[in-house]
Every structure is written in C-alpha cells, then in structure tokens.
C-alpha atoms as a PDB file:
ATOM      1  CA  UNK A   1      18.418  24.750  27.085  1.00  0.00           C
ATOM      2  CA  UNK A   2      21.398  22.454  26.861  1.00  0.00           C
ATOM      3  CA  UNK A   3      20.345  20.821  30.429  1.00  0.00           C
ATOM      4  CA  UNK A   4      17.105  20.330  29.321  1.00  0.00           C
ATOM      5  CA  UNK A   5      18.197  18.604  26.065  1.00  0.00           C
ATOM      6  CA  UNK A   6      20.444  16.426  27.178  1.00  0.00           C
ATOM      7  CA  UNK A   7      18.240  13.719  29.430  1.00  0.00           C
ATOM      8  CA  UNK A   8      16.189  13.274  26.365  1.00  0.00           C
ATOM      9  CA  UNK A   9      19.130  12.524  24.276  1.00  0.00           C
ATOM     10  CA  UNK A  10      20.802  10.424  26.557  1.00  0.00           C
ATOM     11  CA  UNK A  11      17.261   8.325  27.254  1.00  0.00           C
ATOM     12  CA  UNK A  12      17.076   8.175  23.297  1.00  0.00           C
ATOM     13  CA  UNK A  13      20.842   6.784  23.111  1.00  0.00           C
ATOM     14  CA  UNK A  14      19.922   4.389  25.712  1.00  0.00           C
ATOM     15  CA  UNK A  15      17.044   2.715  24.327  1.00  0.00           C
ATOM     16  CA  UNK A  16      18.829   1.973  21.140  1.00  0.00           C
ATOM     17  CA  UNK A  17      16.505   4.726  19.066  1.00  0.00           C
ATOM     18  CA  UNK A  18      17.746   6.311  15.330  1.00  0.00           C
ATOM     19  CA  UNK A  19      17.912   9.894  15.168  1.00  0.00           C
ATOM     20  CA  UNK A  20      16.535   9.208  11.518  1.00  0.00           C
ATOM     21  CA  UNK A  21      13.548   6.924  12.299  1.00  0.00           C
ATOM     22  CA  UNK A  22      12.536   5.265   9.529  1.00  0.00           C
ATOM     23  CA  UNK A  23       9.109   5.511   7.954  1.00  0.00           C
ATOM     24  CA  UNK A  24       6.085   4.186  10.026  1.00  0.00           C
ATOM     25  CA  UNK A  25       2.917   5.309   7.680  1.00  0.00           C
ATOM     26  CA  UNK A  26       1.656   3.786   4.655  1.00  0.00           C
ATOM     27  CA  UNK A  27       1.847   7.726   3.519  1.00  0.00           C
ATOM     28  CA  UNK A  28       5.581   8.092   4.269  1.00  0.00           C
ATOM     29  CA  UNK A  29       6.505   4.384   3.157  1.00  0.00           C
ATOM     30  CA  UNK A  30       4.531   4.822  -0.075  1.00  0.00           C
ATOM     31  CA  UNK A  31       6.113   8.587  -0.728  1.00  0.00           C
ATOM     32  CA  UNK A  32       9.737   6.542  -0.053  1.00  0.00           C
ATOM     33  CA  UNK A  33       9.060   4.057  -2.475  1.00  0.00           C
ATOM     34  CA  UNK A  34       7.824   6.553  -5.545  1.00  0.00           C
ATOM     35  CA  UNK A  35      11.089   8.474  -4.354  1.00  0.00           C
ATOM     36  CA  UNK A  36      13.032   5.371  -4.655  1.00  0.00           C
ATOM     37  CA  UNK A  37      11.736   4.183  -7.948  1.00  0.00           C
ATOM     38  CA  UNK A  38      12.669   7.741  -9.269  1.00  0.00           C
ATOM     39  CA  UNK A  39      10.431  10.717  -8.111  1.00  0.00           C
ATOM     40  CA  UNK A  40       7.425  11.876  -9.027  1.00  0.00           C
ATOM     41  CA  UNK A  41       8.198  14.024 -11.809  1.00  0.00           C
ATOM     42  CA  UNK A  42      10.055  11.399 -13.370  1.00  0.00           C
ATOM     43  CA  UNK A  43       7.413   8.642 -13.182  1.00  0.00           C
ATOM     44  CA  UNK A  44       5.155  11.375 -14.640  1.00  0.00           C
ATOM     45  CA  UNK A  45       7.569  12.115 -17.907  1.00  0.00           C
ATOM     46  CA  UNK A  46       6.945   9.244 -19.426  1.00  0.00           C
ATOM     47  CA  UNK A  47       4.197   8.514 -21.372  1.00  0.00           C
ATOM     48  CA  UNK A  48       4.632   5.322 -22.864  1.00  0.00           C
ATOM     49  CA  UNK A  49       6.496   2.328 -21.755  1.00  0.00           C
ATOM     50  CA  UNK A  50       7.630  -1.252 -24.692  1.00  0.00           C
ATOM     51  CA  UNK A  51       8.757  -3.825 -22.342  1.00  0.00           C
ATOM     52  CA  UNK A  52      10.225  -7.085 -23.504  1.00  0.00           C
ATOM     53  CA  UNK A  53      10.301 -10.190 -21.697  1.00  0.00           C
ATOM     54  CA  UNK A  54      11.176 -13.884 -21.928  1.00  0.00           C
ATOM     55  CA  UNK A  55       8.689 -15.746 -19.628  1.00  0.00           C
ATOM     56  CA  UNK A  56       9.465 -19.300 -18.459  1.00  0.00           C
ATOM     57  CA  UNK A  57       6.265 -21.861 -17.579  1.00  0.00           C
ATOM     58  CA  UNK A  58       5.800 -25.647 -16.811  1.00  0.00           C
ATOM     59  CA  UNK A  59       5.063 -26.414 -20.611  1.00  0.00           C
ATOM     60  CA  UNK A  60       6.908 -23.339 -22.796  1.00  0.00           C
ATOM     61  CA  UNK A  61       9.530 -20.882 -23.062  1.00  0.00           C
ATOM     62  CA  UNK A  62       7.182 -17.866 -24.329  1.00  0.00           C
ATOM     63  CA  UNK A  63       8.624 -14.291 -26.007  1.00  0.00           C
ATOM     64  CA  UNK A  64       6.423 -11.437 -24.265  1.00  0.00           C
ATOM     65  CA  UNK A  65       5.950  -7.685 -25.463  1.00  0.00           C
ATOM     66  CA  UNK A  66       4.036  -5.551 -23.216  1.00  0.00           C
ATOM     67  CA  UNK A  67       3.184  -2.188 -24.513  1.00  0.00           C
ATOM     68  CA  UNK A  68       1.746   0.567 -21.991  1.00  0.00           C
ATOM     69  CA  UNK A  69       0.222   4.012 -22.913  1.00  0.00           C
ATOM     70  CA  UNK A  70      -1.153   6.927 -20.510  1.00  0.00           C
ATOM     71  CA  UNK A  71      -3.761   7.312 -19.926  1.00  0.00           C
ATOM     72  CA  UNK A  72      -4.246   3.714 -19.121  1.00  0.00           C
ATOM     73  CA  UNK A  73      -3.944   1.709 -22.513  1.00  0.00           C
ATOM     74  CA  UNK A  74      -2.100  -2.028 -21.770  1.00  0.00           C
ATOM     75  CA  UNK A  75      -1.449  -4.648 -23.864  1.00  0.00           C
ATOM     76  CA  UNK A  76       0.571  -8.073 -24.134  1.00  0.00           C
ATOM     77  CA  UNK A  77       1.410 -10.160 -27.369  1.00  0.00           C
ATOM     78  CA  UNK A  78       2.700 -13.841 -26.182  1.00  0.00           C
ATOM     79  CA  UNK A  79       3.792 -15.887 -28.618  1.00  0.00           C
ATOM     80  CA  UNK A  80       5.396 -20.080 -28.180  1.00  0.00           C
ATOM     81  CA  UNK A  81       7.105 -22.064 -30.507  1.00  0.00           C
ATOM     82  CA  UNK A  82       4.940 -23.292 -33.217  1.00  0.00           C
ATOM     83  CA  UNK A  83       1.507 -21.681 -31.793  1.00  0.00           C
ATOM     84  CA  UNK A  84      -0.244 -18.418 -33.395  1.00  0.00           C
ATOM     85  CA  UNK A  85       0.278 -15.133 -30.777  1.00  0.00           C
ATOM     86  CA  UNK A  86      -2.432 -14.480 -27.676  1.00  0.00           C
ATOM     87  CA  UNK A  87      -3.018 -11.051 -27.349  1.00  0.00           C
ATOM     88  CA  UNK A  88      -4.703  -9.507 -24.376  1.00  0.00           C
ATOM     89  CA  UNK A  89      -5.488  -5.343 -23.839  1.00  0.00           C
ATOM     90  CA  UNK A  90      -7.030  -3.437 -21.064  1.00  0.00           C
ATOM     91  CA  UNK A  91      -8.754   0.260 -21.606  1.00  0.00           C
ATOM     92  CA  UNK A  92     -11.446   2.607 -19.655  1.00  0.00           C
ATOM     93  CA  UNK A  93     -13.271   0.646 -22.474  1.00  0.00           C
ATOM     94  CA  UNK A  94     -12.600  -2.709 -22.935  1.00  0.00           C
ATOM     95  CA  UNK A  95     -11.217  -6.414 -21.493  1.00  0.00           C
ATOM     96  CA  UNK A  96     -10.368  -8.317 -23.859  1.00  0.00           C
ATOM     97  CA  UNK A  97      -8.417 -11.858 -25.106  1.00  0.00           C
ATOM     98  CA  UNK A  98      -7.553 -12.590 -28.425  1.00  0.00           C
ATOM     99  CA  UNK A  99      -6.256 -16.466 -29.110  1.00  0.00           C
ATOM    100  CA  UNK A 100      -7.379 -19.050 -31.852  1.00  0.00           C
ATOM    101  CA  UNK A 101      -9.076 -15.364 -33.807  1.00  0.00           C
ATOM    102  CA  UNK A 102     -11.702 -15.964 -30.966  1.00  0.00           C
ATOM    103  CA  UNK A 103     -12.464 -12.892 -29.399  1.00  0.00           C
ATOM    104  CA  UNK A 104     -13.010 -12.735 -25.482  1.00  0.00           C
ATOM    105  CA  UNK A 105     -14.371 -10.038 -22.973  1.00  0.00           C
ATOM    106  CA  UNK A 106     -13.156 -10.514 -19.483  1.00  0.00           C
ATOM    107  CA  UNK A 107     -15.625 -11.273 -16.706  1.00  0.00           C
ATOM    108  CA  UNK A 108     -16.479  -7.934 -14.558  1.00  0.00           C
ATOM    109  CA  UNK A 109     -14.330  -9.048 -11.897  1.00  0.00           C
ATOM    110  CA  UNK A 110     -11.831  -9.929 -13.947  1.00  0.00           C
ATOM    111  CA  UNK A 111     -11.978  -6.503 -15.628  1.00  0.00           C
ATOM    112  CA  UNK A 112     -12.169  -4.338 -12.624  1.00  0.00           C
ATOM    113  CA  UNK A 113      -9.238  -6.310 -11.750  1.00  0.00           C
ATOM    114  CA  UNK A 114      -7.224  -5.434 -14.702  1.00  0.00           C
ATOM    115  CA  UNK A 115      -8.015  -2.066 -15.009  1.00  0.00           C
ATOM    116  CA  UNK A 116      -6.969  -1.440 -11.009  1.00  0.00           C
ATOM    117  CA  UNK A 117      -4.022  -3.353 -11.988  1.00  0.00           C
ATOM    118  CA  UNK A 118      -2.320  -3.838 -15.101  1.00  0.00           C
ATOM    119  CA  UNK A 119      -4.229  -1.066 -16.590  1.00  0.00           C
ATOM    120  CA  UNK A 120      -2.821   1.631 -14.574  1.00  0.00           C
ATOM    121  CA  UNK A 121       0.800   3.246 -16.229  1.00  0.00           C
ATOM    122  CA  UNK A 122       2.249   4.328 -13.037  1.00  0.00           C
ATOM    123  CA  UNK A 123       1.020   1.398 -10.511  1.00  0.00           C
ATOM    124  CA  UNK A 124      -1.533   1.603  -7.639  1.00  0.00           C
ATOM    125  CA  UNK A 125       0.648   2.945  -5.238  1.00  0.00           C
ATOM    126  CA  UNK A 126       1.270   5.557  -7.505  1.00  0.00           C
ATOM    127  CA  UNK A 127      -1.427   8.897  -6.771  1.00  0.00           C
ATOM    128  CA  UNK A 128      -3.474   5.998  -4.835  1.00  0.00           C
ATOM    129  CA  UNK A 129      -5.285   8.659  -2.861  1.00  0.00           C
ATOM    130  CA  UNK A 130      -6.480  10.382  -5.586  1.00  0.00           C
ATOM    131  CA  UNK A 131      -7.176   6.772  -7.678  1.00  0.00           C
ATOM    132  CA  UNK A 132     -10.018   6.149  -4.531  1.00  0.00           C
ATOM    133  CA  UNK A 133      -7.857   3.486  -3.149  1.00  0.00           C
ATOM    134  CA  UNK A 134      -6.972   2.724   0.528  1.00  0.00           C
ATOM    135  CA  UNK A 135      -4.140   1.713   1.995  1.00  0.00           C
ATOM    136  CA  UNK A 136      -2.965   0.347   5.142  1.00  0.00           C
ATOM    137  CA  UNK A 137       0.598  -0.289   6.947  1.00  0.00           C
ATOM    138  CA  UNK A 138       0.168  -3.606   8.767  1.00  0.00           C
ATOM    139  CA  UNK A 139       3.545  -4.318  10.188  1.00  0.00           C
ATOM    140  CA  UNK A 140       7.093  -5.869   9.045  1.00  0.00           C
ATOM    141  CA  UNK A 141       7.833  -8.926   7.921  1.00  0.00           C
ATOM    142  CA  UNK A 142      11.223 -10.706   7.103  1.00  0.00           C
ATOM    143  CA  UNK A 143      12.326 -11.759   3.885  1.00  0.00           C
ATOM    144  CA  UNK A 144      14.953 -13.851   2.841  1.00  0.00           C
ATOM    145  CA  UNK A 145      17.762 -10.921   1.977  1.00  0.00           C
ATOM    146  CA  UNK A 146      16.455  -8.502   4.700  1.00  0.00           C
ATOM    147  CA  UNK A 147      12.788  -7.005   6.128  1.00  0.00           C
ATOM    148  CA  UNK A 148      10.272  -5.494   4.482  1.00  0.00           C
ATOM    149  CA  UNK A 149       7.174  -3.332   5.205  1.00  0.00           C
ATOM    150  CA  UNK A 150       3.873  -4.847   4.326  1.00  0.00           C
ATOM    151  CA  UNK A 151       0.898  -2.776   2.454  1.00  0.00           C
ATOM    152  CA  UNK A 152      -2.244  -3.789   2.399  1.00  0.00           C
ATOM    153  CA  UNK A 153      -3.971  -1.811  -0.410  1.00  0.00           C
ATOM    154  CA  UNK A 154      -7.616  -2.243  -1.504  1.00  0.00           C
ATOM    155  CA  UNK A 155      -8.599  -0.570  -5.123  1.00  0.00           C
ATOM    156  CA  UNK A 156     -11.592   1.143  -5.345  1.00  0.00           C
ATOM    157  CA  UNK A 157     -12.936  -1.704  -6.925  1.00  0.00           C
ATOM    158  CA  UNK A 158     -12.079  -3.593  -4.075  1.00  0.00           C
ATOM    159  CA  UNK A 159      -9.558  -5.585  -5.330  1.00  0.00           C
ATOM    160  CA  UNK A 160      -6.517  -6.379  -2.293  1.00  0.00           C
ATOM    161  CA  UNK A 161      -3.601  -6.810  -2.844  1.00  0.00           C
ATOM    162  CA  UNK A 162      -0.668  -6.820   0.087  1.00  0.00           C
ATOM    163  CA  UNK A 163       2.471  -5.476  -1.294  1.00  0.00           C
ATOM    164  CA  UNK A 164       6.179  -6.318   0.859  1.00  0.00           C
ATOM    165  CA  UNK A 165       8.441  -3.227   0.471  1.00  0.00           C
ATOM    166  CA  UNK A 166      11.866  -3.409   0.719  1.00  0.00           C
ATOM    167  CA  UNK A 167      12.313  -1.489   4.217  1.00  0.00           C
ATOM    168  CA  UNK A 168      15.981  -0.601   2.969  1.00  0.00           C
ATOM    169  CA  UNK A 169      15.825   0.416  -0.865  1.00  0.00           C
ATOM    170  CA  UNK A 170      11.933   0.967  -0.564  1.00  0.00           C
ATOM    171  CA  UNK A 171      11.554  -0.632  -3.892  1.00  0.00           C
ATOM    172  CA  UNK A 172       8.664  -3.377  -3.954  1.00  0.00           C
ATOM    173  CA  UNK A 173       9.777  -7.046  -3.349  1.00  0.00           C
ATOM    174  CA  UNK A 174       6.416  -9.237  -3.016  1.00  0.00           C
ATOM    175  CA  UNK A 175       3.102  -8.687  -4.129  1.00  0.00           C
ATOM    176  CA  UNK A 176       0.368 -11.348  -2.988  1.00  0.00           C
ATOM    177  CA  UNK A 177      -3.354 -11.235  -3.310  1.00  0.00           C
ATOM    178  CA  UNK A 178      -6.369 -13.431  -4.932  1.00  0.00           C
ATOM    179  CA  UNK A 179      -6.715 -13.110  -8.813  1.00  0.00           C
ATOM    180  CA  UNK A 180      -9.344 -13.548 -11.222  1.00  0.00           C
ATOM    181  CA  UNK A 181      -8.897 -16.485 -13.693  1.00  0.00           C
ATOM    182  CA  UNK A 182     -10.850 -17.417 -17.123  1.00  0.00           C
ATOM    183  CA  UNK A 183     -13.632 -19.583 -16.352  1.00  0.00           C
ATOM    184  CA  UNK A 184     -15.172 -17.644 -13.215  1.00  0.00           C
ATOM    185  CA  UNK A 185     -12.092 -19.167 -11.418  1.00  0.00           C
ATOM    186  CA  UNK A 186      -9.616 -17.454  -8.899  1.00  0.00           C
ATOM    187  CA  UNK A 187      -5.891 -18.423  -7.655  1.00  0.00           C
ATOM    188  CA  UNK A 188      -3.972 -17.431  -4.930  1.00  0.00           C
ATOM    189  CA  UNK A 189      -0.668 -15.480  -6.220  1.00  0.00           C
ATOM    190  CA  UNK A 190       2.589 -14.450  -5.020  1.00  0.00           C
ATOM    191  CA  UNK A 191       4.905 -12.768  -7.228  1.00  0.00           C
ATOM    192  CA  UNK A 192       8.272 -12.169  -6.393  1.00  0.00           C
ATOM    193  CA  UNK A 193      10.329  -9.219  -7.822  1.00  0.00           C
ATOM    194  CA  UNK A 194      13.771 -10.590  -7.925  1.00  0.00           C
ATOM    195  CA  UNK A 195      15.913  -7.383  -9.738  1.00  0.00           C
ATOM    196  CA  UNK A 196      14.971  -4.512 -11.431  1.00  0.00           C
ATOM    197  CA  UNK A 197      15.715  -2.127 -14.321  1.00  0.00           C
ATOM    198  CA  UNK A 198      16.364   1.593 -14.711  1.00  0.00           C
ATOM    199  CA  UNK A 199      14.370   2.937 -17.870  1.00  0.00           C
ATOM    200  CA  UNK A 200      14.271   7.273 -18.561  1.00  0.00           C
ATOM    201  CA  UNK A 201      15.392   7.611 -14.939  1.00  0.00           C
ATOM    202  CA  UNK A 202      12.931   5.282 -13.370  1.00  0.00           C
ATOM    203  CA  UNK A 203      13.010   2.062 -11.966  1.00  0.00           C
ATOM    204  CA  UNK A 204      10.495  -0.818 -13.195  1.00  0.00           C
ATOM    205  CA  UNK A 205      10.494  -4.827 -12.388  1.00  0.00           C
ATOM    206  CA  UNK A 206      12.462  -6.865 -14.393  1.00  0.00           C
ATOM    207  CA  UNK A 207      12.967 -10.264 -13.310  1.00  0.00           C
ATOM    208  CA  UNK A 208       9.796 -11.927 -11.972  1.00  0.00           C
ATOM    209  CA  UNK A 209       9.240 -15.362 -10.420  1.00  0.00           C
ATOM    210  CA  UNK A 210       4.576 -15.407  -9.948  1.00  0.00           C
ATOM    211  CA  UNK A 211       3.256 -18.584  -7.997  1.00  0.00           C
ATOM    212  CA  UNK A 212      -0.434 -19.445  -8.517  1.00  0.00           C
ATOM    213  CA  UNK A 213      -1.891 -21.933  -6.040  1.00  0.00           C
ATOM    214  CA  UNK A 214      -5.523 -22.859  -4.877  1.00  0.00           C
ATOM    215  CA  UNK A 215      -7.100 -23.324  -8.814  1.00  0.00           C
ATOM    216  CA  UNK A 216      -5.317 -26.585  -9.594  1.00  0.00           C
ATOM    217  CA  UNK A 217      -1.380 -28.054  -9.743  1.00  0.00           C
ATOM    218  CA  UNK A 218       0.768 -25.343  -8.352  1.00  0.00           C
ATOM    219  CA  UNK A 219       1.784 -22.757 -11.432  1.00  0.00           C
ATOM    220  CA  UNK A 220       5.506 -21.132 -11.220  1.00  0.00           C
ATOM    221  CA  UNK A 221       6.393 -18.358 -14.065  1.00  0.00           C
ATOM    222  CA  UNK A 222       9.499 -16.795 -14.358  1.00  0.00           C
ATOM    223  CA  UNK A 223       9.708 -13.749 -16.038  1.00  0.00           C
ATOM    224  CA  UNK A 224      13.293 -12.543 -17.638  1.00  0.00           C
ATOM    225  CA  UNK A 225      13.184  -8.787 -18.974  1.00  0.00           C
ATOM    226  CA  UNK A 226      15.652  -7.878 -22.146  1.00  0.00           C
ATOM    227  CA  UNK A 227      14.625  -3.825 -22.807  1.00  0.00           C
ATOM    228  CA  UNK A 228      12.360  -1.544 -21.452  1.00  0.00           C
ATOM    229  CA  UNK A 229      12.008   1.495 -23.841  1.00  0.00           C
ATOM    230  CA  UNK A 230      10.228   4.372 -22.417  1.00  0.00           C
ATOM    231  CA  UNK A 231       8.346   7.841 -24.923  1.00  0.00           C
ATOM    232  CA  UNK A 232       8.122   5.339 -27.793  1.00  0.00           C
ATOM    233  CA  UNK A 233       5.530   5.638 -30.429  1.00  0.00           C
ATOM    234  CA  UNK A 234       2.314   3.501 -30.178  1.00  0.00           C
ATOM    235  CA  UNK A 235      -0.434   3.621 -32.157  1.00  0.00           C
ATOM    236  CA  UNK A 236      -3.193   3.558 -30.343  1.00  0.00           C
ATOM    237  CA  UNK A 237      -5.177   0.935 -32.366  1.00  0.00           C
ATOM    238  CA  UNK A 238      -3.400  -1.032 -30.502  1.00  0.00           C
ATOM    239  CA  UNK A 239      -5.447  -1.632 -28.068  1.00  0.00           C
ATOM    240  CA  UNK A 240      -8.484  -2.060 -29.700  1.00  0.00           C
ATOM    241  CA  UNK A 241     -10.107  -5.532 -30.170  1.00  0.00           C
ATOM    242  CA  UNK A 242      -9.259  -6.369 -33.700  1.00  0.00           C
ATOM    243  CA  UNK A 243     -12.484  -5.956 -36.132  1.00  0.00           C
ATOM    244  CA  UNK A 244     -11.530  -9.536 -37.610  1.00  0.00           C
ATOM    245  CA  UNK A 245     -11.589 -11.720 -34.879  1.00  0.00           C
ATOM    246  CA  UNK A 246     -14.746 -13.481 -33.893  1.00  0.00           C
ATOM    247  CA  UNK A 247     -16.051 -12.144 -30.445  1.00  0.00           C
ATOM    248  CA  UNK A 248     -17.236 -15.852 -28.321  1.00  0.00           C
ATOM    249  CA  UNK A 249     -20.673 -15.101 -28.278  1.00  0.00           C
ATOM    250  CA  UNK A 250     -23.319 -14.714 -25.051  1.00  0.00           C
ATOM    251  CA  UNK A 251     -20.139 -13.814 -22.705  1.00  0.00           C
ATOM    252  CA  UNK A 252     -19.647 -10.284 -21.955  1.00  0.00           C
ATOM    253  CA  UNK A 253     -19.753  -7.202 -24.299  1.00  0.00           C
ATOM    254  CA  UNK A 254     -16.300  -5.346 -24.360  1.00  0.00           C
ATOM    255  CA  UNK A 255     -17.162  -3.127 -20.804  1.00  0.00           C
ATOM    256  CA  UNK A 256     -16.596  -6.281 -19.436  1.00  0.00           C
ATOM    257  CA  UNK A 257     -20.392  -6.527 -18.447  1.00  0.00           C
ATOM    258  CA  UNK A 258     -23.313  -9.102 -18.889  1.00  0.00           C
ATOM    259  CA  UNK A 259     -24.656  -9.453 -22.512  1.00  0.00           C
ATOM    260  CA  UNK A 260     -28.784  -9.155 -21.937  1.00  0.00           C
ATOM    261  CA  UNK A 261     -30.162 -12.031 -22.509  1.00  0.00           C
ATOM    262  CA  UNK A 262     -27.660 -13.769 -23.912  1.00  0.00           C
ATOM    263  CA  UNK A 263     -26.850 -17.853 -23.375  1.00  0.00           C
ATOM    264  CA  UNK A 264     -23.973 -18.386 -21.575  1.00  0.00           C
ATOM    265  CA  UNK A 265     -20.966 -19.907 -23.974  1.00  0.00           C
ATOM    266  CA  UNK A 266     -18.644 -22.548 -22.622  1.00  0.00           C
ATOM    267  CA  UNK A 267     -15.359 -21.478 -22.960  1.00  0.00           C
ATOM    268  CA  UNK A 268     -12.152 -24.025 -22.384  1.00  0.00           C
ATOM    269  CA  UNK A 269      -8.793 -22.622 -21.628  1.00  0.00           C
ATOM    270  CA  UNK A 270      -5.848 -24.237 -24.164  1.00  0.00           C
ATOM    271  CA  UNK A 271      -2.615 -24.573 -22.307  1.00  0.00           C
ATOM    272  CA  UNK A 272       0.240 -23.815 -24.088  1.00  0.00           C
ATOM    273  CA  UNK A 273       2.289 -26.967 -24.056  1.00  0.00           C
ATOM    274  CA  UNK A 274       4.996 -26.596 -26.651  1.00  0.00           C
ATOM    275  CA  UNK A 275       8.028 -27.049 -25.781  1.00  0.00           C
ATOM    276  CA  UNK A 276      10.918 -24.493 -27.209  1.00  0.00           C
ATOM    277  CA  UNK A 277      12.952 -26.614 -29.602  1.00  0.00           C
ATOM    278  CA  UNK A 278      15.714 -24.058 -29.024  1.00  0.00           C
ATOM    279  CA  UNK A 279      17.145 -25.147 -25.699  1.00  0.00           C
ATOM    280  CA  UNK A 280      16.224 -26.905 -22.996  1.00  0.00           C
ATOM    281  CA  UNK A 281      13.836 -25.349 -20.642  1.00  0.00           C
ATOM    282  CA  UNK A 282      14.223 -24.256 -16.726  1.00  0.00           C
ATOM    283  CA  UNK A 283      12.488 -26.113 -14.610  1.00  0.00           C
ATOM    284  CA  UNK A 284      10.400 -23.600 -12.288  1.00  0.00           C
ATOM    285  CA  UNK A 285       9.489 -26.457  -9.772  1.00  0.00           C
ATOM    286  CA  UNK A 286      13.351 -26.434  -9.116  1.00  0.00           C
ATOM    287  CA  UNK A 287      13.947 -22.622  -8.604  1.00  0.00           C
ATOM    288  CA  UNK A 288      15.012 -22.345  -5.024  1.00  0.00           C
ATOM    289  CA  UNK A 289      11.851 -21.592  -3.012  1.00  0.00           C
ATOM    290  CA  UNK A 290      13.567 -20.480   0.468  1.00  0.00           C
ATOM    291  CA  UNK A 291      15.484 -17.902  -1.790  1.00  0.00           C
ATOM    292  CA  UNK A 292      12.836 -17.085  -3.984  1.00  0.00           C
ATOM    293  CA  UNK A 293      15.356 -16.545  -6.600  1.00  0.00           C
ATOM    294  CA  UNK A 294      17.405 -18.243  -9.102  1.00  0.00           C
ATOM    295  CA  UNK A 295      20.648 -17.158 -11.375  1.00  0.00           C
ATOM    296  CA  UNK A 296      19.684 -14.349 -13.714  1.00  0.00           C
ATOM    297  CA  UNK A 297      20.962 -13.990 -17.410  1.00  0.00           C
ATOM    298  CA  UNK A 298      22.620 -11.163 -17.819  1.00  0.00           C
END
C-alpha cells in the first residue's frame, strides 16, 4: 500500500500541487465566503441592522443611515448640509424614494434590482440557490493586494453582478455590473470594498468606493462606516411610504408596476451640490485608482 501511494505523492510534489487545494467551484467558494463572514448560524441570528455612514461625493458630504430588518425591509436616509433629508425604502410590497416632499416609485427594472440586492437582508450570495439565483465560477483575476475568484451571479429577476472574492480571506473585494438609474437610464457600476467591520460576530462591508460610468460624467462616491449595530429595535412603519407625501402622478404604483391609463410624468433628478461648511471635502477623483483605496479615517 505504501509503495502504491508513494509515486502519487511524489507526482503531486513534483507538480507543485498543494495537498490543501483551493476551492474551484462556485458552491465551494461561496460556502467559504459565508464561513469567512462569520458563519451561517451567526448571519441568521441577526434580525436587524443599523449602519451609520459618512458618504463623500463630488458635490457634498452626506450623513447616511441604513436600516435593514428581516425578512426583506431596507431603508436609507441621507442628509446634506442645508438640504432636507432624502429617503429610499425597499420592501416586497413597495420600492420608493422620497425627496422634496415628493414620493416616487421605482420603475419595474429598478424595483426588481432593489429587491434582489438591497432588499436581500443576508445578501444574494447567502442561500443563493434557495432564492432562485444562479452562480458561475468564471475564473481568477489579479487585483491590487492579491488574487480574487470571480463569481457571476444572476438573480431570479435577471439582475447580473460579478463578485470578486479574495482568494485568501474569501471576503468580497469588488462587485461589478449594470445598475438601473432614475429616468430609465443605466450605468456601469464598480464597487470596491476597502475594509470590513465586525458586528454580532459577522463581517460587513465598511469602507467602500463606488464608480459609475456610462451615464454622463464619471461619478465616484466614497463611503466610510462609522457604526454598525445589530439586533436593534426598528419600527416596521419606517419602511412604509409616508402618508403625508405627495406621490408624483402617472409614474408607477408602489409595487413598481405601470399605472394603467396614467400619463407619464416628467422627472428631473436634482443633484445635491451643497458643499460641506464644516471642512474641506476630499476629492474622490484624486483617489489612487491603481490602488483602489485611500487612507481611511479611524
């Protein structure tokens, strides 16, 4: 028996093949990814999340609060100096934005994308098969800082994203795809996750750089996470459209479906151009794109 095994062992050594082979299938890679985040049981033990961030754009520095609650509730509130807050929420029943006292429901493609991605409490890579998504391991790619596995995800509603999963840590480092924007526009999206923070024994994306191209000038947004709180009380009413808000007529209903017989309303997205008065803003265009990162605050 020893004589039989020896040539095989010598062959493996001669080829430089490790006895602990890296994961080579999408299923294996994603299983290790879930474990790297903290494990399935810890992920499922979290029932709600509150994330507080500072988001820097070319125009302003925003304070952003994200609320997430099982099973599929998601809400973002962002505020800029001298401007009223802007809200966005995703639930199985509605996908809406509230800005300037006007309530806008997302187009069907944008609503489907929001539900499959933002509205997914655990993220689309957890329980992907049970959710009706498909995944494909498409190879490896060298990124600054190390090699990454590339996983092509297609959600049940046809939303496509490529996830770059670090070959050492098995945490997501980059996400690319095409996103739906207001006004039936699309943009190419590249999101780099520069750091993770742990809360409740689970790792969450913390410092993030996002580039959007193909829909006008390049837009770069950098997000710094100040706090992540898990299992905090969150009122379900926060995810419902405010009754006092005036809906924009003739657009879409709360589920993101075309309103029969309604005239199409013109919409113009107002860009926040108020600069922070508290300090000089970092210039996102000067971020070292080759390194895909920058010096992050403590």
